C-alpha cells in the first residue's frame, strides 16, 4: 500500500498509541454510567438528524457505546476487543492501526447520513477489527467465557455467513452498514485476498490433475502428436535444424532435414 506508506512517513506523529485502551476505558465508563442510571445509551447513538440539530457529541459518543448490558458480556467483550486491537497495533504499528479504525469510522458516519433518521452504533466497526484480527491470526484460540475453546477462524466464518445473509435478505440500511464495515477490511487486505484466491485456484487445479491421473507430457511428436504418456515405449528425438522440434521414431527419419542428410 504505497499511499499508506507515504501517509505514514508524513503523519506518523499524529497517530495515537494504544488507542484501543482509550476506547475500552471510554466504553467501560459509559457502561458504569448507564448501569448507575446516569446515562441513557440511546443518547449515544449516531442519529444524523440529531447531529444536524446540534447534538454533535453523537459523532464521537457512538464509538464508545458499551458492547452489552450484562456485566459478564461487557467484561469479556472489552477484554477481547483490547486483545485484538493491541495485537493489530503491534503487527501494523500505531499509524496503520489508527488508519484502519479511522477508515471504518468515516465509512460508518458516511453511510449513516444516507438515512438521517436512522440510528448507527459501533457494532460493525468493532466487527471489522474482529475480522482483521481473524485474518492475521486465524489459528488463534479464544476461550468463550474463558472456558470454551474455539478457533477464531470459525467464528470469522460465521460472521461472514451472517454478513452474506444480511446482504441478501436485509433491508437497504443494513446492507450499506455491512458494506461500510467491511470496506476498511478490503482496503487493507484486498491484495492478500486476491493472492490467496489465485494460489487456491492453482492448488485446486493441481489436485484435480493428481486425482484424475492426468499429467503433462514431456515428449510430443510434432507430426502425429504421440507423447511419452500415450506411447510410453516410444523413443523421441529432437532436430536442431527444426528449432528443437520433437519427433517420434516413426517420423524422425521422414522429415525434411533428415532427408537432406
C-alpha atoms as a PDB file:
ATOM      1  CA  UNK A   1       0.000   0.000   0.000  1.00  0.00           C
ATOM      2  CA  UNK A   2       2.196   2.772  -1.370  1.00  0.00           C
ATOM      3  CA  UNK A   3      -0.236   5.553  -0.432  1.00  0.00           C
ATOM      4  CA  UNK A   4      -0.390   4.388   3.175  1.00  0.00           C
ATOM      5  CA  UNK A   5       3.410   4.270   3.313  1.00  0.00           C
ATOM      6  CA  UNK A   6       3.576   7.894   2.150  1.00  0.00           C
ATOM      7  CA  UNK A   7       0.939   8.983   4.659  1.00  0.00           C
ATOM      8  CA  UNK A   8       2.725   7.179   7.454  1.00  0.00           C
ATOM      9  CA  UNK A   9       6.028   8.912   6.699  1.00  0.00           C
ATOM     10  CA  UNK A  10       4.273  12.291   6.701  1.00  0.00           C
ATOM     11  CA  UNK A  11       1.761  11.963   9.544  1.00  0.00           C
ATOM     12  CA  UNK A  12       3.043   9.221  11.821  1.00  0.00           C
ATOM     13  CA  UNK A  13       3.402  11.709  14.679  1.00  0.00           C
ATOM     14  CA  UNK A  14      -0.371  12.229  14.649  1.00  0.00           C
ATOM     15  CA  UNK A  15      -1.101   8.587  15.477  1.00  0.00           C
ATOM     16  CA  UNK A  16      -2.489   7.819  18.921  1.00  0.00           C
ATOM     17  CA  UNK A  17      -0.532   4.950  20.507  1.00  0.00           C
ATOM     18  CA  UNK A  18      -2.541   2.331  22.411  1.00  0.00           C
ATOM     19  CA  UNK A  19      -5.799   3.825  21.170  1.00  0.00           C
ATOM     20  CA  UNK A  20      -7.648   0.583  21.959  1.00  0.00           C
ATOM     21  CA  UNK A  21      -7.061   1.147  25.674  1.00  0.00           C
ATOM     22  CA  UNK A  22      -8.717   4.582  25.497  1.00  0.00           C
ATOM     23  CA  UNK A  23     -11.721   3.137  23.654  1.00  0.00           C
ATOM     24  CA  UNK A  24     -12.076   0.344  26.209  1.00  0.00           C
ATOM     25  CA  UNK A  25     -11.825   2.797  29.124  1.00  0.00           C
ATOM     26  CA  UNK A  26     -14.453   5.010  27.492  1.00  0.00           C
ATOM     27  CA  UNK A  27     -16.844   2.111  26.925  1.00  0.00           C
ATOM     28  CA  UNK A  28     -16.337   0.875  30.490  1.00  0.00           C
ATOM     29  CA  UNK A  29     -17.019   4.368  31.835  1.00  0.00           C
ATOM     30  CA  UNK A  30     -20.263   4.768  29.891  1.00  0.00           C
ATOM     31  CA  UNK A  31     -21.370   1.270  30.886  1.00  0.00           C
ATOM     32  CA  UNK A  32     -20.941   2.175  34.555  1.00  0.00           C
ATOM     33  CA  UNK A  33     -22.776   5.479  33.990  1.00  0.00           C
ATOM     34  CA  UNK A  34     -25.690   3.718  32.272  1.00  0.00           C
ATOM     35  CA  UNK A  35     -25.756   0.944  34.896  1.00  0.00           C
ATOM     36  CA  UNK A  36     -25.953   3.600  37.625  1.00  0.00           C
ATOM     37  CA  UNK A  37     -28.861   5.265  35.832  1.00  0.00           C
ATOM     38  CA  UNK A  38     -26.897   8.391  34.965  1.00  0.00           C
ATOM     39  CA  UNK A  39     -26.981   7.874  31.210  1.00  0.00           C
ATOM     40  CA  UNK A  40     -29.296   6.537  28.524  1.00  0.00           C
ATOM     41  CA  UNK A  41     -27.197   4.671  25.981  1.00  0.00           C
ATOM     42  CA  UNK A  42     -29.669   5.655  23.255  1.00  0.00           C
ATOM     43  CA  UNK A  43     -28.374   9.226  23.569  1.00  0.00           C
ATOM     44  CA  UNK A  44     -25.035   7.950  22.275  1.00  0.00           C
ATOM     45  CA  UNK A  45     -26.428   6.514  19.029  1.00  0.00           C
ATOM     46  CA  UNK A  46     -25.330   8.219  15.839  1.00  0.00           C
ATOM     47  CA  UNK A  47     -28.545   9.791  14.538  1.00  0.00           C
ATOM     48  CA  UNK A  48     -27.632  12.251  11.761  1.00  0.00           C
ATOM     49  CA  UNK A  49     -30.802  14.332  12.131  1.00  0.00           C
ATOM     50  CA  UNK A  50     -29.953  14.910  15.798  1.00  0.00           C
ATOM     51  CA  UNK A  51     -26.368  15.770  14.888  1.00  0.00           C
ATOM     52  CA  UNK A  52     -27.630  18.409  12.458  1.00  0.00           C
ATOM     53  CA  UNK A  53     -29.769  19.814  15.285  1.00  0.00           C
ATOM     54  CA  UNK A  54     -26.670  20.418  17.389  1.00  0.00           C
ATOM     55  CA  UNK A  55     -26.090  17.105  19.163  1.00  0.00           C
ATOM     56  CA  UNK A  56     -22.611  16.895  17.658  1.00  0.00           C
ATOM     57  CA  UNK A  57     -21.300  14.682  20.503  1.00  0.00           C
ATOM     58  CA  UNK A  58     -23.035  11.733  18.859  1.00  0.00           C
ATOM     59  CA  UNK A  59     -20.302  11.748  16.196  1.00  0.00           C
ATOM     60  CA  UNK A  60     -17.845  10.631  18.885  1.00  0.00           C
ATOM     61  CA  UNK A  61     -20.075   9.052  21.523  1.00  0.00           C
ATOM     62  CA  UNK A  62     -21.325   6.205  19.316  1.00  0.00           C
ATOM     63  CA  UNK A  63     -17.779   4.793  19.174  1.00  0.00           C
ATOM     64  CA  UNK A  64     -17.887   4.425  22.984  1.00  0.00           C
ATOM     65  CA  UNK A  65     -21.222   2.608  23.267  1.00  0.00           C
ATOM     66  CA  UNK A  66     -20.691  -0.359  25.653  1.00  0.00           C
ATOM     67  CA  UNK A  67     -20.819  -3.785  23.990  1.00  0.00           C
ATOM     68  CA  UNK A  68     -23.678  -5.279  26.047  1.00  0.00           C
ATOM     69  CA  UNK A  69     -25.894  -4.847  29.104  1.00  0.00           C
ATOM     70  CA  UNK A  70     -24.723  -7.852  31.145  1.00  0.00           C
ATOM     71  CA  UNK A  71     -21.589  -7.202  33.155  1.00  0.00           C
ATOM     72  CA  UNK A  72     -20.215 -10.633  32.178  1.00  0.00           C
ATOM     73  CA  UNK A  73     -20.629  -9.905  28.478  1.00  0.00           C
ATOM     74  CA  UNK A  74     -19.203  -6.411  28.933  1.00  0.00           C
ATOM     75  CA  UNK A  75     -16.110  -7.676  30.708  1.00  0.00           C
ATOM     76  CA  UNK A  76     -15.457 -10.406  28.158  1.00  0.00           C
ATOM     77  CA  UNK A  77     -16.212  -8.102  25.200  1.00  0.00           C
ATOM     78  CA  UNK A  78     -13.928  -5.308  26.385  1.00  0.00           C
ATOM     79  CA  UNK A  79     -11.143  -7.727  27.245  1.00  0.00           C
ATOM     80  CA  UNK A  80     -11.335  -9.393  23.834  1.00  0.00           C
ATOM     81  CA  UNK A  81     -11.522  -6.078  21.982  1.00  0.00           C
ATOM     82  CA  UNK A  82      -8.429  -4.841  23.821  1.00  0.00           C
ATOM     83  CA  UNK A  83      -6.615  -8.066  22.997  1.00  0.00           C
ATOM     84  CA  UNK A  84      -7.470  -7.799  19.279  1.00  0.00           C
ATOM     85  CA  UNK A  85      -6.730  -4.090  18.981  1.00  0.00           C
ATOM     86  CA  UNK A  86      -3.406  -4.397  20.775  1.00  0.00           C
ATOM     87  CA  UNK A  87      -2.403  -7.290  18.521  1.00  0.00           C
ATOM     88  CA  UNK A  88      -3.267  -5.330  15.370  1.00  0.00           C
ATOM     89  CA  UNK A  89      -1.360  -2.280  16.580  1.00  0.00           C
ATOM     90  CA  UNK A  90       1.613  -4.476  17.448  1.00  0.00           C
ATOM     91  CA  UNK A  91       1.521  -6.007  13.962  1.00  0.00           C
ATOM     92  CA  UNK A  92       0.937  -2.840  11.944  1.00  0.00           C
ATOM     93  CA  UNK A  93       2.182  -0.067  14.159  1.00  0.00           C
ATOM     94  CA  UNK A  94       0.127   2.746  15.694  1.00  0.00           C
ATOM     95  CA  UNK A  95      -0.338   4.749  12.489  1.00  0.00           C
ATOM     96  CA  UNK A  96      -1.705   1.926  10.349  1.00  0.00           C
ATOM     97  CA  UNK A  97      -3.994   0.709  13.099  1.00  0.00           C
ATOM     98  CA  UNK A  98      -5.265   4.261  13.594  1.00  0.00           C
ATOM     99  CA  UNK A  99      -5.812   4.497   9.832  1.00  0.00           C
ATOM    100  CA  UNK A 100      -7.784   1.235   9.861  1.00  0.00           C
ATOM    101  CA  UNK A 101     -10.068   2.477  12.642  1.00  0.00           C
ATOM    102  CA  UNK A 102     -10.415   5.931  11.089  1.00  0.00           C
ATOM    103  CA  UNK A 103     -11.381   4.468   7.713  1.00  0.00           C
ATOM    104  CA  UNK A 104     -14.043   2.276   9.334  1.00  0.00           C
ATOM    105  CA  UNK A 105     -15.287   5.239  11.377  1.00  0.00           C
ATOM    106  CA  UNK A 106     -15.584   7.544   8.347  1.00  0.00           C
ATOM    107  CA  UNK A 107     -17.370   4.889   6.299  1.00  0.00           C
ATOM    108  CA  UNK A 108     -19.847   4.289   9.137  1.00  0.00           C
ATOM    109  CA  UNK A 109     -20.555   8.005   9.517  1.00  0.00           C
ATOM    110  CA  UNK A 110     -20.912   8.439   5.753  1.00  0.00           C
ATOM    111  CA  UNK A 111     -23.497   5.677   5.338  1.00  0.00           C
ATOM    112  CA  UNK A 112     -25.330   6.795   8.499  1.00  0.00           C
ATOM    113  CA  UNK A 113     -26.015  10.166   6.884  1.00  0.00           C
ATOM    114  CA  UNK A 114     -27.669   8.414   3.955  1.00  0.00           C
ATOM    115  CA  UNK A 115     -30.588   7.821   6.325  1.00  0.00           C
ATOM    116  CA  UNK A 116     -30.718  10.898   8.591  1.00  0.00           C
ATOM    117  CA  UNK A 117     -33.350   9.477  10.937  1.00  0.00           C
ATOM    118  CA  UNK A 118     -31.726   6.077  11.380  1.00  0.00           C
ATOM    119  CA  UNK A 119     -29.522   5.118  14.338  1.00  0.00           C
ATOM    120  CA  UNK A 120     -25.990   3.778  13.944  1.00  0.00           C
ATOM    121  CA  UNK A 121     -23.828   2.100  16.581  1.00  0.00           C
ATOM    122  CA  UNK A 122     -20.261   0.818  16.760  1.00  0.00           C
ATOM    123  CA  UNK A 123     -21.197  -2.847  16.228  1.00  0.00           C
ATOM    124  CA  UNK A 124     -19.989  -3.044  12.646  1.00  0.00           C
ATOM    125  CA  UNK A 125     -16.858  -1.033  13.404  1.00  0.00           C
ATOM    126  CA  UNK A 126     -15.947  -3.491  16.154  1.00  0.00           C
ATOM    127  CA  UNK A 127     -16.687  -6.380  13.798  1.00  0.00           C
ATOM    128  CA  UNK A 128     -14.159  -5.036  11.281  1.00  0.00           C
ATOM    129  CA  UNK A 129     -11.465  -5.192  13.977  1.00  0.00           C
ATOM    130  CA  UNK A 130     -12.512  -8.764  14.714  1.00  0.00           C
ATOM    131  CA  UNK A 131     -12.308  -9.782  11.036  1.00  0.00           C
ATOM    132  CA  UNK A 132      -8.901  -8.136  10.636  1.00  0.00           C
ATOM    133  CA  UNK A 133      -7.581  -9.982  13.682  1.00  0.00           C
ATOM    134  CA  UNK A 134      -9.033 -13.291  12.439  1.00  0.00           C
ATOM    135  CA  UNK A 135      -7.419 -12.736   9.036  1.00  0.00           C
ATOM    136  CA  UNK A 136      -3.980 -12.226  10.539  1.00  0.00           C
ATOM    137  CA  UNK A 137      -4.281 -14.836  13.300  1.00  0.00           C
ATOM    138  CA  UNK A 138      -6.729 -17.487  12.009  1.00  0.00           C
ATOM    139  CA  UNK A 139      -5.427 -20.223  14.319  1.00  0.00           C
ATOM    140  CA  UNK A 140      -5.786 -18.121  17.459  1.00  0.00           C
ATOM    141  CA  UNK A 141      -7.915 -19.943  20.031  1.00  0.00           C
ATOM    142  CA  UNK A 142     -10.266 -17.910  22.154  1.00  0.00           C
ATOM    143  CA  UNK A 143     -11.915 -19.256  25.279  1.00  0.00           C
ATOM    144  CA  UNK A 144     -15.516 -18.108  25.395  1.00  0.00           C
ATOM    145  CA  UNK A 145     -16.148 -17.029  28.967  1.00  0.00           C
ATOM    146  CA  UNK A 146     -12.560 -18.304  29.478  1.00  0.00           C
ATOM    147  CA  UNK A 147     -13.871 -21.901  29.255  1.00  0.00           C
ATOM    148  CA  UNK A 148     -14.923 -22.987  25.755  1.00  0.00           C
ATOM    149  CA  UNK A 149     -12.036 -23.149  23.230  1.00  0.00           C
ATOM    150  CA  UNK A 150     -12.868 -22.044  19.685  1.00  0.00           C
ATOM    151  CA  UNK A 151     -10.578 -21.244  16.758  1.00  0.00           C
ATOM    152  CA  UNK A 152     -11.196 -17.669  15.758  1.00  0.00           C
ATOM    153  CA  UNK A 153     -11.288 -18.563  12.048  1.00  0.00           C
ATOM    154  CA  UNK A 154     -14.551 -20.456  12.621  1.00  0.00           C
ATOM    155  CA  UNK A 155     -16.140 -17.500  14.376  1.00  0.00           C
ATOM    156  CA  UNK A 156     -14.979 -15.295  11.493  1.00  0.00           C
ATOM    157  CA  UNK A 157     -16.602 -17.714   9.043  1.00  0.00           C
ATOM    158  CA  UNK A 158     -19.879 -17.467  10.945  1.00  0.00           C
ATOM    159  CA  UNK A 159     -19.587 -13.670  10.803  1.00  0.00           C
ATOM    160  CA  UNK A 160     -19.036 -13.731   7.032  1.00  0.00           C
ATOM    161  CA  UNK A 161     -22.031 -16.017   6.587  1.00  0.00           C
ATOM    162  CA  UNK A 162     -24.107 -13.629   8.682  1.00  0.00           C
ATOM    163  CA  UNK A 163     -22.957 -10.722   6.523  1.00  0.00           C
ATOM    164  CA  UNK A 164     -23.871 -12.636   3.365  1.00  0.00           C
ATOM    165  CA  UNK A 165     -27.358 -13.314   4.729  1.00  0.00           C
ATOM    166  CA  UNK A 166     -27.736  -9.641   5.659  1.00  0.00           C
ATOM    167  CA  UNK A 167     -26.669  -8.533   2.190  1.00  0.00           C
ATOM    168  CA  UNK A 168     -29.146 -10.885   0.539  1.00  0.00           C
ATOM    169  CA  UNK A 169     -32.168 -10.617   2.832  1.00  0.00           C
ATOM    170  CA  UNK A 170     -31.580  -7.468   4.912  1.00  0.00           C
ATOM    171  CA  UNK A 171     -33.059  -4.036   4.296  1.00  0.00           C
ATOM    172  CA  UNK A 172     -31.008  -1.489   2.397  1.00  0.00           C
ATOM    173  CA  UNK A 173     -29.828   0.273   5.587  1.00  0.00           C
ATOM    174  CA  UNK A 174     -28.418  -2.979   6.970  1.00  0.00           C
ATOM    175  CA  UNK A 175     -26.732  -3.674   3.652  1.00  0.00           C
ATOM    176  CA  UNK A 176     -24.907  -0.364   3.477  1.00  0.00           C
ATOM    177  CA  UNK A 177     -23.713  -0.699   7.084  1.00  0.00           C
ATOM    178  CA  UNK A 178     -22.371  -4.165   6.301  1.00  0.00           C
ATOM    179  CA  UNK A 179     -20.563  -2.804   3.235  1.00  0.00           C
ATOM    180  CA  UNK A 180     -19.175   0.063   5.292  1.00  0.00           C
ATOM    181  CA  UNK A 181     -17.958  -2.307   7.983  1.00  0.00           C
ATOM    182  CA  UNK A 182     -16.020  -4.469   5.539  1.00  0.00           C
ATOM    183  CA  UNK A 183     -14.813  -1.543   3.441  1.00  0.00           C
ATOM    184  CA  UNK A 184     -11.712  -0.898   5.529  1.00  0.00           C
ATOM    185  CA  UNK A 185     -11.110  -4.659   5.735  1.00  0.00           C
ATOM    186  CA  UNK A 186     -10.930  -4.976   1.948  1.00  0.00           C
ATOM    187  CA  UNK A 187      -8.842  -1.819   1.646  1.00  0.00           C
ATOM    188  CA  UNK A 188      -6.221  -3.352   3.930  1.00  0.00           C
ATOM    189  CA  UNK A 189      -6.478  -6.997   2.881  1.00  0.00           C
ATOM    190  CA  UNK A 190      -7.744  -6.871  -0.701  1.00  0.00           C
ATOM    191  CA  UNK A 191      -4.347  -7.652  -2.229  1.00  0.00           C
ATOM    192  CA  UNK A 192      -3.795 -10.558   0.175  1.00  0.00           C
ATOM    193  CA  UNK A 193      -7.238 -11.971  -0.620  1.00  0.00           C
ATOM    194  CA  UNK A 194      -6.592 -11.749  -4.370  1.00  0.00           C
ATOM    195  CA  UNK A 195      -3.277 -13.575  -3.962  1.00  0.00           C
ATOM    196  CA  UNK A 196      -4.927 -16.262  -1.817  1.00  0.00           C
ATOM    197  CA  UNK A 197      -7.628 -16.744  -4.466  1.00  0.00           C
ATOM    198  CA  UNK A 198      -5.024 -17.172  -7.228  1.00  0.00           C
ATOM    199  CA  UNK A 199      -2.982 -19.574  -5.103  1.00  0.00           C
ATOM    200  CA  UNK A 200      -6.086 -21.532  -4.148  1.00  0.00           C
ATOM    201  CA  UNK A 201      -7.187 -21.855  -7.776  1.00  0.00           C
ATOM    202  CA  UNK A 202      -3.754 -23.160  -8.772  1.00  0.00           C
ATOM    203  CA  UNK A 203      -3.706 -25.696  -5.927  1.00  0.00           C
ATOM    204  CA  UNK A 204      -7.199 -26.904  -6.831  1.00  0.00           C
ATOM    205  CA  UNK A 205      -6.110 -27.407 -10.444  1.00  0.00           C
ATOM    206  CA  UNK A 206      -3.054 -29.366  -9.324  1.00  0.00           C
ATOM    207  CA  UNK A 207      -5.172 -31.538  -7.037  1.00  0.00           C
ATOM    208  CA  UNK A 208      -7.653 -32.182  -9.855  1.00  0.00           C
ATOM    209  CA  UNK A 209      -4.860 -33.341 -12.151  1.00  0.00           C
ATOM    210  CA  UNK A 210      -3.480 -35.599  -9.438  1.00  0.00           C
ATOM    211  CA  UNK A 211      -6.870 -37.149  -8.657  1.00  0.00           C
ATOM    212  CA  UNK A 212      -7.688 -37.754 -12.317  1.00  0.00           C
ATOM    213  CA  UNK A 213      -4.241 -39.157 -13.013  1.00  0.00           C
ATOM    214  CA  UNK A 214      -3.566 -36.523 -15.647  1.00  0.00           C
ATOM    215  CA  UNK A 215      -0.026 -35.289 -16.087  1.00  0.00           C
ATOM    216  CA  UNK A 216       1.604 -33.210 -18.745  1.00  0.00           C
ATOM    217  CA  UNK A 217       3.594 -34.959 -21.472  1.00  0.00           C
ATOM    218  CA  UNK A 218       7.344 -34.386 -21.553  1.00  0.00           C
ATOM    219  CA  UNK A 219       7.849 -35.592 -25.171  1.00  0.00           C
ATOM    220  CA  UNK A 220       5.444 -34.892 -28.059  1.00  0.00           C
ATOM    221  CA  UNK A 221       5.794 -35.751 -31.722  1.00  0.00           C
ATOM    222  CA  UNK A 222       5.312 -32.708 -33.932  1.00  0.00           C
ATOM    223  CA  UNK A 223       3.868 -34.794 -36.798  1.00  0.00           C
ATOM    224  CA  UNK A 224       1.457 -37.292 -35.223  1.00  0.00           C
ATOM    225  CA  UNK A 225       1.047 -35.957 -31.677  1.00  0.00           C
ATOM    226  CA  UNK A 226       2.187 -39.101 -29.920  1.00  0.00           C
ATOM    227  CA  UNK A 227       3.513 -38.472 -26.409  1.00  0.00           C
ATOM    228  CA  UNK A 228       5.549 -40.339 -23.849  1.00  0.00           C
ATOM    229  CA  UNK A 229       2.271 -40.771 -21.934  1.00  0.00           C
ATOM    230  CA  UNK A 230       0.151 -42.176 -24.784  1.00  0.00           C
ATOM    231  CA  UNK A 231       3.067 -44.313 -26.049  1.00  0.00           C
ATOM    232  CA  UNK A 232       5.360 -44.959 -23.064  1.00  0.00           C
ATOM    233  CA  UNK A 233       7.560 -47.415 -25.062  1.00  0.00           C
ATOM    234  CA  UNK A 234       8.232 -44.972 -27.895  1.00  0.00           C
ATOM    235  CA  UNK A 235      11.555 -43.145 -28.201  1.00  0.00           C
ATOM    236  CA  UNK A 236      11.623 -39.496 -29.192  1.00  0.00           C
ATOM    237  CA  UNK A 237      14.317 -37.421 -30.881  1.00  0.00           C
ATOM    238  CA  UNK A 238      14.784 -33.684 -31.449  1.00  0.00           C
ATOM    239  CA  UNK A 239      16.027 -31.961 -34.586  1.00  0.00           C
ATOM    240  CA  UNK A 240      18.249 -28.905 -34.050  1.00  0.00           C
ATOM    241  CA  UNK A 241      17.583 -27.718 -37.608  1.00  0.00           C
ATOM    242  CA  UNK A 242      13.851 -27.540 -36.837  1.00  0.00           C
ATOM    243  CA  UNK A 243      14.388 -25.304 -33.868  1.00  0.00           C
ATOM    244  CA  UNK A 244      14.406 -28.237 -31.472  1.00  0.00           C
ATOM    245  CA  UNK A 245      11.084 -29.805 -32.563  1.00  0.00           C
ATOM    246  CA  UNK A 246      10.455 -33.334 -31.338  1.00  0.00           C
ATOM    247  CA  UNK A 247       9.674 -36.414 -33.420  1.00  0.00           C
ATOM    248  CA  UNK A 248       8.743 -39.967 -32.581  1.00  0.00           C
ATOM    249  CA  UNK A 249      10.793 -42.794 -34.121  1.00  0.00           C
ATOM    250  CA  UNK A 250       8.139 -43.283 -36.818  1.00  0.00           C
ATOM    251  CA  UNK A 251       8.718 -39.795 -38.187  1.00  0.00           C
ATOM    252  CA  UNK A 252      12.232 -38.729 -37.250  1.00  0.00           C
ATOM    253  CA  UNK A 253      13.635 -40.293 -40.470  1.00  0.00           C
ATOM    254  CA  UNK A 254      10.939 -38.852 -42.721  1.00  0.00           C
ATOM    255  CA  UNK A 255      11.056 -35.115 -42.011  1.00  0.00           C
ATOM    256  CA  UNK A 256      12.783 -32.755 -44.439  1.00  0.00           C
ATOM    257  CA  UNK A 257      16.056 -32.143 -42.596  1.00  0.00           C
ATOM    258  CA  UNK A 258      16.677 -35.825 -42.116  1.00  0.00           C
ATOM    259  CA  UNK A 259      16.025 -36.472 -45.822  1.00  0.00           C
ATOM    260  CA  UNK A 260      18.615 -33.867 -46.829  1.00  0.00           C
ATOM    261  CA  UNK A 261      21.331 -35.565 -44.806  1.00  0.00           C
END
